[in-house]
Amino acid sequence: MADSQGNTGTQDVEYNLISIAYHALQGAETYDQYIQDAEQSGNRDLAQFFRDVKDENKRRADRAKQLLGQSLGNRQSQASGGGSR
């Protein structure tokens, strides 16, 4: 499978996974303010929506971290001659 290449010219799946995790967690942190704003305005539905979005971002970050671990493990295995990819 070919690595993706964007505007940065980077062809590194580990970088991409780190970027996904970072941005997902950064978004999740930002949503705390959105939740607080919605709660202060008394809009429970909107506050719950922001909680759901925050949870989705946390799950996305966790999945990216899991895949990063697998990718790094595969790379280490290949470097030591143990992998066939």
N, C-alpha and C. Protein backbone atom coordinates (compact mmCIF):
# COMPACT_ATOMS: atom_id res chain seq x y z
N MET A 1 0.85 -1.18 0.00
CA MET A 1 0.00 0.00 0.00
C MET A 1 0.89 1.24 0.00
N ALA A 2 0.59 2.16 -0.85
CA ALA A 2 1.40 3.38 -0.96
C ALA A 2 1.06 4.34 0.16
N ASP A 3 2.07 5.01 0.68
CA ASP A 3 1.86 6.03 1.69
C ASP A 3 1.19 7.24 1.06
N SER A 4 0.41 7.96 1.85
CA SER A 4 -0.24 9.16 1.34
C SER A 4 0.75 10.30 1.29
N GLN A 5 0.50 11.20 0.39
CA GLN A 5 1.36 12.38 0.27
C GLN A 5 0.46 13.58 0.07
N GLY A 6 0.57 14.53 0.97
CA GLY A 6 -0.25 15.74 0.88
C GLY A 6 0.58 16.93 0.50
N ASN A 7 0.11 18.08 0.90
CA ASN A 7 0.80 19.32 0.58
C ASN A 7 2.18 19.42 1.22
N THR A 8 2.40 18.65 2.28
CA THR A 8 3.70 18.70 2.96
C THR A 8 4.76 17.91 2.21
N GLY A 9 4.33 17.03 1.32
CA GLY A 9 5.28 16.18 0.63
C GLY A 9 5.72 14.99 1.48
N THR A 10 5.14 14.85 2.66
CA THR A 10 5.51 13.78 3.58
C THR A 10 4.86 12.47 3.15
N GLN A 11 5.66 11.42 3.13
CA GLN A 11 5.14 10.09 2.81
C GLN A 11 5.40 9.19 4.00
N ASP A 12 4.81 9.51 5.12
CA ASP A 12 5.12 8.80 6.34
C ASP A 12 3.83 8.52 7.09
N VAL A 13 3.40 7.26 7.10
CA VAL A 13 2.12 6.94 7.75
C VAL A 13 2.16 7.20 9.24
N GLU A 14 3.32 7.03 9.87
CA GLU A 14 3.41 7.32 11.30
C GLU A 14 3.14 8.79 11.57
N TYR A 15 3.69 9.66 10.76
CA TYR A 15 3.42 11.10 10.90
C TYR A 15 1.92 11.36 10.75
N ASN A 16 1.29 10.72 9.79
CA ASN A 16 -0.14 10.92 9.55
C ASN A 16 -0.96 10.48 10.76
N LEU A 17 -0.61 9.34 11.33
CA LEU A 17 -1.33 8.85 12.51
C LEU A 17 -1.12 9.76 13.71
N ILE A 18 0.09 10.25 13.89
CA ILE A 18 0.36 11.19 14.99
C ILE A 18 -0.46 12.46 14.79
N SER A 19 -0.53 12.92 13.56
CA SER A 19 -1.29 14.12 13.25
C SER A 19 -2.77 13.93 13.54
N ILE A 20 -3.31 12.79 13.15
CA ILE A 20 -4.72 12.50 13.43
C ILE A 20 -4.97 12.50 14.93
N ALA A 21 -4.11 11.80 15.68
CA ALA A 21 -4.27 11.73 17.14
C ALA A 21 -4.19 13.12 17.75
N TYR A 22 -3.21 13.89 17.34
CA TYR A 22 -3.02 15.24 17.89
C TYR A 22 -4.26 16.10 17.64
N HIS A 23 -4.70 16.15 16.40
CA HIS A 23 -5.82 17.02 16.06
C HIS A 23 -7.13 16.54 16.71
N ALA A 24 -7.30 15.23 16.82
CA ALA A 24 -8.50 14.72 17.48
C ALA A 24 -8.51 15.11 18.95
N LEU A 25 -7.36 14.97 19.61
CA LEU A 25 -7.29 15.33 21.03
C LEU A 25 -7.39 16.83 21.23
N GLN A 26 -6.82 17.59 20.33
CA GLN A 26 -6.92 19.06 20.41
C GLN A 26 -8.38 19.47 20.27
N GLY A 27 -9.09 18.84 19.34
CA GLY A 27 -10.51 19.13 19.18
C GLY A 27 -11.30 18.76 20.41
N ALA A 28 -11.01 17.58 20.96
CA ALA A 28 -11.71 17.13 22.16
C ALA A 28 -11.53 18.13 23.30
N GLU A 29 -10.34 18.66 23.43
CA GLU A 29 -10.08 19.65 24.47
C GLU A 29 -10.88 20.92 24.22
N THR A 30 -10.95 21.34 22.98
CA THR A 30 -11.69 22.55 22.61
C THR A 30 -13.18 22.39 22.89
N TYR A 31 -13.70 21.17 22.69
CA TYR A 31 -15.12 20.94 22.87
C TYR A 31 -15.57 21.12 24.31
N ASP A 32 -14.64 21.03 25.25
CA ASP A 32 -15.01 21.30 26.65
C ASP A 32 -15.59 22.71 26.79
N GLN A 33 -15.01 23.66 26.09
CA GLN A 33 -15.53 25.03 26.14
C GLN A 33 -16.91 25.10 25.50
N TYR A 34 -17.09 24.38 24.39
CA TYR A 34 -18.40 24.37 23.72
C TYR A 34 -19.46 23.76 24.64
N ILE A 35 -19.09 22.70 25.34
CA ILE A 35 -20.02 22.05 26.27
C ILE A 35 -20.41 23.03 27.37
N GLN A 36 -19.41 23.70 27.92
CA GLN A 36 -19.68 24.67 29.00
C GLN A 36 -20.58 25.80 28.50
N ASP A 37 -20.30 26.30 27.30
CA ASP A 37 -21.14 27.37 26.74
C ASP A 37 -22.58 26.91 26.57
N ALA A 38 -22.77 25.70 26.05
CA ALA A 38 -24.13 25.18 25.85
C ALA A 38 -24.84 24.98 27.18
N GLU A 39 -24.11 24.47 28.17
CA GLU A 39 -24.72 24.28 29.50
C GLU A 39 -25.11 25.61 30.12
N GLN A 40 -24.25 26.60 29.97
CA GLN A 40 -24.55 27.92 30.54
C GLN A 40 -25.76 28.55 29.87
N SER A 41 -25.97 28.23 28.60
CA SER A 41 -27.14 28.77 27.91
C SER A 41 -28.39 27.94 28.16
N GLY A 42 -28.21 26.81 28.88
CA GLY A 42 -29.34 25.97 29.21
C GLY A 42 -29.75 25.02 28.10
N ASN A 43 -28.92 24.86 27.09
CA ASN A 43 -29.25 24.00 25.97
C ASN A 43 -28.63 22.61 26.17
N ARG A 44 -29.41 21.74 26.78
CA ARG A 44 -28.92 20.39 27.11
C ARG A 44 -28.65 19.55 25.86
N ASP A 45 -29.52 19.69 24.85
CA ASP A 45 -29.33 18.92 23.62
C ASP A 45 -28.01 19.28 22.94
N LEU A 46 -27.74 20.56 22.89
CA LEU A 46 -26.49 21.01 22.27
C LEU A 46 -25.28 20.57 23.09
N ALA A 47 -25.38 20.65 24.40
CA ALA A 47 -24.29 20.19 25.27
C ALA A 47 -24.03 18.71 25.05
N GLN A 48 -25.09 17.91 24.91
CA GLN A 48 -24.92 16.47 24.67
C GLN A 48 -24.30 16.23 23.30
N PHE A 49 -24.70 16.99 22.32
CA PHE A 49 -24.10 16.87 20.98
C PHE A 49 -22.60 17.10 21.06
N PHE A 50 -22.19 18.16 21.76
CA PHE A 50 -20.76 18.44 21.89
C PHE A 50 -20.04 17.33 22.66
N ARG A 51 -20.69 16.76 23.66
CA ARG A 51 -20.10 15.62 24.38
C ARG A 51 -19.90 14.43 23.44
N ASP A 52 -20.90 14.19 22.60
CA ASP A 52 -20.81 13.08 21.64
C ASP A 52 -19.66 13.30 20.66
N VAL A 53 -19.53 14.52 20.17
CA VAL A 53 -18.45 14.84 19.24
C VAL A 53 -17.10 14.68 19.93
N LYS A 54 -17.02 15.13 21.17
CA LYS A 54 -15.79 14.98 21.95
C LYS A 54 -15.43 13.50 22.11
N ASP A 55 -16.42 12.68 22.44
CA ASP A 55 -16.18 11.25 22.60
C ASP A 55 -15.72 10.61 21.29
N GLU A 56 -16.32 11.02 20.18
CA GLU A 56 -15.90 10.50 18.87
C GLU A 56 -14.43 10.85 18.60
N ASN A 57 -14.04 12.07 18.93
CA ASN A 57 -12.65 12.47 18.73
C ASN A 57 -11.70 11.68 19.62
N LYS A 58 -12.12 11.42 20.85
CA LYS A 58 -11.29 10.61 21.74
C LYS A 58 -11.11 9.21 21.18
N ARG A 59 -12.20 8.62 20.68
CA ARG A 59 -12.12 7.28 20.08
C ARG A 59 -11.20 7.30 18.85
N ARG A 60 -11.32 8.33 18.05
CA ARG A 60 -10.48 8.46 16.86
C ARG A 60 -9.01 8.56 17.26
N ALA A 61 -8.71 9.32 18.29
CA ALA A 61 -7.33 9.46 18.76
C ALA A 61 -6.82 8.13 19.30
N ASP A 62 -7.66 7.42 20.06
CA ASP A 62 -7.25 6.11 20.59
C ASP A 62 -6.97 5.13 19.47
N ARG A 63 -7.79 5.14 18.44
CA ARG A 63 -7.58 4.23 17.30
C ARG A 63 -6.29 4.59 16.57
N ALA A 64 -6.04 5.87 16.39
CA ALA A 64 -4.80 6.30 15.74
C ALA A 64 -3.58 5.86 16.55
N LYS A 65 -3.67 5.98 17.87
CA LYS A 65 -2.56 5.53 18.72
C LYS A 65 -2.35 4.03 18.61
N GLN A 66 -3.45 3.28 18.57
CA GLN A 66 -3.35 1.83 18.41
C GLN A 66 -2.68 1.47 17.08
N LEU A 67 -3.12 2.09 16.01
CA LEU A 67 -2.54 1.82 14.70
C LEU A 67 -1.08 2.26 14.63
N LEU A 68 -0.76 3.35 15.31
CA LEU A 68 0.63 3.81 15.34
C LEU A 68 1.51 2.77 16.02
N GLY A 69 1.03 2.23 17.13
CA GLY A 69 1.78 1.19 17.82
C GLY A 69 2.01 -0.02 16.93
N GLN A 70 0.96 -0.42 16.20
CA GLN A 70 1.10 -1.55 15.28
C GLN A 70 2.09 -1.24 14.17
N SER A 71 2.00 -0.05 13.62
CA SER A 71 2.90 0.34 12.53
C SER A 71 4.35 0.38 12.99
N LEU A 72 4.57 0.95 14.17
CA LEU A 72 5.93 0.99 14.70
C LEU A 72 6.43 -0.40 15.03
N GLY A 73 5.54 -1.26 15.53
CA GLY A 73 5.92 -2.64 15.81
C GLY A 73 6.29 -3.38 14.54
N ASN A 74 5.51 -3.16 13.47
CA ASN A 74 5.82 -3.79 12.18
C ASN A 74 7.15 -3.29 11.65
N ARG A 75 7.39 -2.00 11.80
CA ARG A 75 8.64 -1.43 11.31
C ARG A 75 9.82 -2.03 12.07
N GLN A 76 9.67 -2.14 13.39
CA GLN A 76 10.75 -2.70 14.20
C GLN A 76 10.99 -4.17 13.84
N SER A 77 9.90 -4.89 13.62
CA SER A 77 10.01 -6.30 13.25
C SER A 77 10.72 -6.45 11.91
N GLN A 78 10.38 -5.59 10.94
CA GLN A 78 11.01 -5.64 9.63
C GLN A 78 12.50 -5.29 9.73
N ALA A 79 12.81 -4.32 10.58
CA ALA A 79 14.20 -3.90 10.72
C ALA A 79 15.07 -5.01 11.31
N SER A 80 14.44 -5.84 12.16
CA SER A 80 15.22 -6.92 12.77
C SER A 80 15.14 -8.21 11.95
N GLY A 81 14.46 -8.11 10.80
CA GLY A 81 14.40 -9.27 9.92
C GLY A 81 13.29 -10.24 10.24
N GLY A 82 12.38 -9.85 11.13
CA GLY A 82 11.34 -10.76 11.56
C GLY A 82 10.05 -10.62 10.81
N GLY A 83 9.89 -9.60 9.98
CA GLY A 83 8.61 -9.37 9.31
C GLY A 83 8.68 -9.68 7.85
N SER A 84 7.53 -9.92 7.25
CA SER A 84 7.47 -10.17 5.81
C SER A 84 6.38 -9.30 5.21
N ARG A 85 6.62 -8.04 5.07
CA ARG A 85 5.64 -7.10 4.52
C ARG A 85 6.18 -6.35 3.39
